[in-house]
Amino acid sequence: MDKRKLRVLGLSDPEIKIYLALLESGPLLGSQLAKKIRVYRPYVYDTLEKLIGKGLVTYTIRKSKKEFGCAPPSALRKLLVEEQKQIQKKQGLV
């Protein structure tokens, strides 16, 4: 996946880094993800919450711990549609 395409969807660099790491590795615990991308754990959790809010990351609870993974590709499509609507609103087209 191209970082530029994700940036067009309104993702920040940290969100892109985390999303791509999950896409590459599959589901991970927050601590595992922090080690993989070499970022402080609290920062990773904050960014994961943002990605969950955007519908790009999901989680399951296993053994009392959250395991994070990428949402289905349709979530990217939904985000693209939302971004297009925002652009149209700004331009007064909607």
C-alpha atoms as a PDB file:
ATOM      1  CA  MET A   1       0.000   0.000   0.000  1.00  0.00           C
ATOM      2  CA  ASP A   2       1.289   3.418  -0.970  1.00  0.00           C
ATOM      3  CA  LYS A   3       1.722   5.979   1.829  1.00  0.00           C
ATOM      4  CA  ARG A   4       0.678   8.801  -0.505  1.00  0.00           C
ATOM      5  CA  LYS A   5      -2.703   7.189  -1.109  1.00  0.00           C
ATOM      6  CA  LEU A   6      -3.304   6.889   2.622  1.00  0.00           C
ATOM      7  CA  ARG A   7      -2.270  10.512   3.120  1.00  0.00           C
ATOM      8  CA  VAL A   8      -4.876  11.556   0.539  1.00  0.00           C
ATOM      9  CA  LEU A   9      -7.457   9.816   2.728  1.00  0.00           C
ATOM     10  CA  GLY A  10      -6.570  12.187   5.538  1.00  0.00           C
ATOM     11  CA  LEU A  11      -4.355   9.905   7.609  1.00  0.00           C
ATOM     12  CA  SER A  12      -1.450  11.366   9.548  1.00  0.00           C
ATOM     13  CA  ASP A  13       2.062   9.933   9.251  1.00  0.00           C
ATOM     14  CA  PRO A  14       1.800   8.062  12.593  1.00  0.00           C
ATOM     15  CA  GLU A  15      -1.586   6.630  11.576  1.00  0.00           C
ATOM     16  CA  ILE A  16      -0.113   5.487   8.272  1.00  0.00           C
ATOM     17  CA  LYS A  17       2.878   3.901   9.983  1.00  0.00           C
ATOM     18  CA  ILE A  18       0.662   1.942  12.383  1.00  0.00           C
ATOM     19  CA  TYR A  19      -1.859   0.948   9.720  1.00  0.00           C
ATOM     20  CA  LEU A  20       0.859  -0.351   7.389  1.00  0.00           C
ATOM     21  CA  ALA A  21       2.564  -2.246  10.214  1.00  0.00           C
ATOM     22  CA  LEU A  22      -0.714  -3.998  11.051  1.00  0.00           C
ATOM     23  CA  LEU A  23      -1.387  -4.660   7.388  1.00  0.00           C
ATOM     24  CA  GLU A  24       2.059  -6.225   7.013  1.00  0.00           C
ATOM     25  CA  SER A  25       2.148  -8.270  10.202  1.00  0.00           C
ATOM     26  CA  GLY A  26      -1.445  -9.106  10.955  1.00  0.00           C
ATOM     27  CA  PRO A  27      -3.059  -8.714  14.392  1.00  0.00           C
ATOM     28  CA  LEU A  28      -0.771  -7.531  17.205  1.00  0.00           C
ATOM     29  CA  LEU A  29      -0.997  -6.445  20.797  1.00  0.00           C
ATOM     30  CA  GLY A  30      -0.336  -2.751  21.365  1.00  0.00           C
ATOM     31  CA  SER A  31       2.962  -3.553  23.065  1.00  0.00           C
ATOM     32  CA  GLN A  32       4.057  -5.722  20.129  1.00  0.00           C
ATOM     33  CA  LEU A  33       3.134  -2.985  17.696  1.00  0.00           C
ATOM     34  CA  ALA A  34       5.069  -0.391  19.711  1.00  0.00           C
ATOM     35  CA  LYS A  35       8.173  -2.591  19.582  1.00  0.00           C
ATOM     36  CA  LYS A  36       7.759  -3.262  15.872  1.00  0.00           C
ATOM     37  CA  ILE A  37       7.564   0.408  14.881  1.00  0.00           C
ATOM     38  CA  ARG A  38       9.767   1.654  17.758  1.00  0.00           C
ATOM     39  CA  VAL A  39       7.288   4.124  19.227  1.00  0.00           C
ATOM     40  CA  TYR A  40       6.239   4.626  22.846  1.00  0.00           C
ATOM     41  CA  ARG A  41       3.304   2.421  23.804  1.00  0.00           C
ATOM     42  CA  PRO A  42       0.977   5.220  25.036  1.00  0.00           C
ATOM     43  CA  TYR A  43       1.422   7.030  21.712  1.00  0.00           C
ATOM     44  CA  VAL A  44       0.601   3.824  19.828  1.00  0.00           C
ATOM     45  CA  TYR A  45      -2.593   3.337  21.843  1.00  0.00           C
ATOM     46  CA  ASP A  46      -3.690   6.937  21.234  1.00  0.00           C
ATOM     47  CA  THR A  47      -3.136   6.540  17.507  1.00  0.00           C
ATOM     48  CA  LEU A  48      -4.892   3.162  17.461  1.00  0.00           C
ATOM     49  CA  GLU A  49      -7.951   4.777  19.041  1.00  0.00           C
ATOM     50  CA  LYS A  50      -7.988   7.357  16.246  1.00  0.00           C
ATOM     51  CA  LEU A  51      -7.761   4.612  13.638  1.00  0.00           C
ATOM     52  CA  ILE A  52     -10.558   2.690  15.332  1.00  0.00           C
ATOM     53  CA  GLY A  53     -12.660   5.852  15.197  1.00  0.00           C
ATOM     54  CA  LYS A  54     -11.993   6.094  11.470  1.00  0.00           C
ATOM     55  CA  GLY A  55     -12.991   2.462  11.024  1.00  0.00           C
ATOM     56  CA  LEU A  56      -9.578   1.326   9.798  1.00  0.00           C
ATOM     57  CA  VAL A  57      -8.528  -0.745  12.801  1.00  0.00           C
ATOM     58  CA  THR A  58     -10.477  -3.285  14.786  1.00  0.00           C
ATOM     59  CA  TYR A  59      -9.628  -5.219  17.898  1.00  0.00           C
ATOM     60  CA  THR A  60     -10.498  -8.437  19.647  1.00  0.00           C
ATOM     61  CA  ILE A  61      -9.956  -9.265  23.281  1.00  0.00           C
ATOM     62  CA  ARG A  62      -7.898 -12.362  23.966  1.00  0.00           C
ATOM     63  CA  LYS A  63      -6.825 -13.323  27.441  1.00  0.00           C
ATOM     64  CA  SER A  64      -7.892  -9.890  28.726  1.00  0.00           C
ATOM     65  CA  LYS A  65      -5.705  -8.068  26.196  1.00  0.00           C
ATOM     66  CA  LYS A  66      -6.672  -6.123  23.080  1.00  0.00           C
ATOM     67  CA  GLU A  67      -5.264  -7.469  19.858  1.00  0.00           C
ATOM     68  CA  PHE A  68      -5.422  -4.944  17.014  1.00  0.00           C
ATOM     69  CA  GLY A  69      -5.789  -5.646  13.322  1.00  0.00           C
ATOM     70  CA  CYS A  70      -6.736  -3.929  10.075  1.00  0.00           C
ATOM     71  CA  ALA A  71     -10.377  -3.586   9.185  1.00  0.00           C
ATOM     72  CA  PRO A  72     -11.563  -5.006   5.850  1.00  0.00           C
ATOM     73  CA  PRO A  73     -10.561  -3.054   2.702  1.00  0.00           C
ATOM     74  CA  SER A  74     -14.120  -1.739   2.409  1.00  0.00           C
ATOM     75  CA  ALA A  75     -13.272   0.527   5.363  1.00  0.00           C
ATOM     76  CA  LEU A  76     -10.758   2.373   3.173  1.00  0.00           C
ATOM     77  CA  ARG A  77     -13.419   2.837   0.530  1.00  0.00           C
ATOM     78  CA  LYS A  78     -15.807   4.250   3.131  1.00  0.00           C
ATOM     79  CA  LEU A  79     -13.127   6.664   4.343  1.00  0.00           C
ATOM     80  CA  LEU A  80     -12.512   7.784   0.755  1.00  0.00           C
ATOM     81  CA  VAL A  81     -16.221   8.499   0.246  1.00  0.00           C
ATOM     82  CA  GLU A  82     -16.314  10.513   3.488  1.00  0.00           C
ATOM     83  CA  GLU A  83     -13.224  12.474   2.456  1.00  0.00           C
ATOM     84  CA  GLN A  84     -14.811  13.253  -0.932  1.00  0.00           C
ATOM     85  CA  LYS A  85     -17.975  14.493   0.798  1.00  0.00           C
ATOM     86  CA  GLN A  86     -15.907  16.801   3.013  1.00  0.00           C
ATOM     87  CA  ILE A  87     -14.131  18.234  -0.015  1.00  0.00           C
ATOM     88  CA  GLN A  88     -17.433  18.798  -1.808  1.00  0.00           C
ATOM     89  CA  LYS A  89     -18.871  20.553   1.258  1.00  0.00           C
ATOM     90  CA  LYS A  90     -15.869  22.872   1.396  1.00  0.00           C
ATOM     91  CA  GLN A  91     -16.327  23.696  -2.267  1.00  0.00           C
ATOM     92  CA  GLY A  92     -20.056  24.256  -1.816  1.00  0.00           C
ATOM     93  CA  LEU A  93     -21.025  21.428  -4.139  1.00  0.00           C
ATOM     94  CA  VAL A  94     -23.231  19.623  -1.629  1.00  0.00           C
END
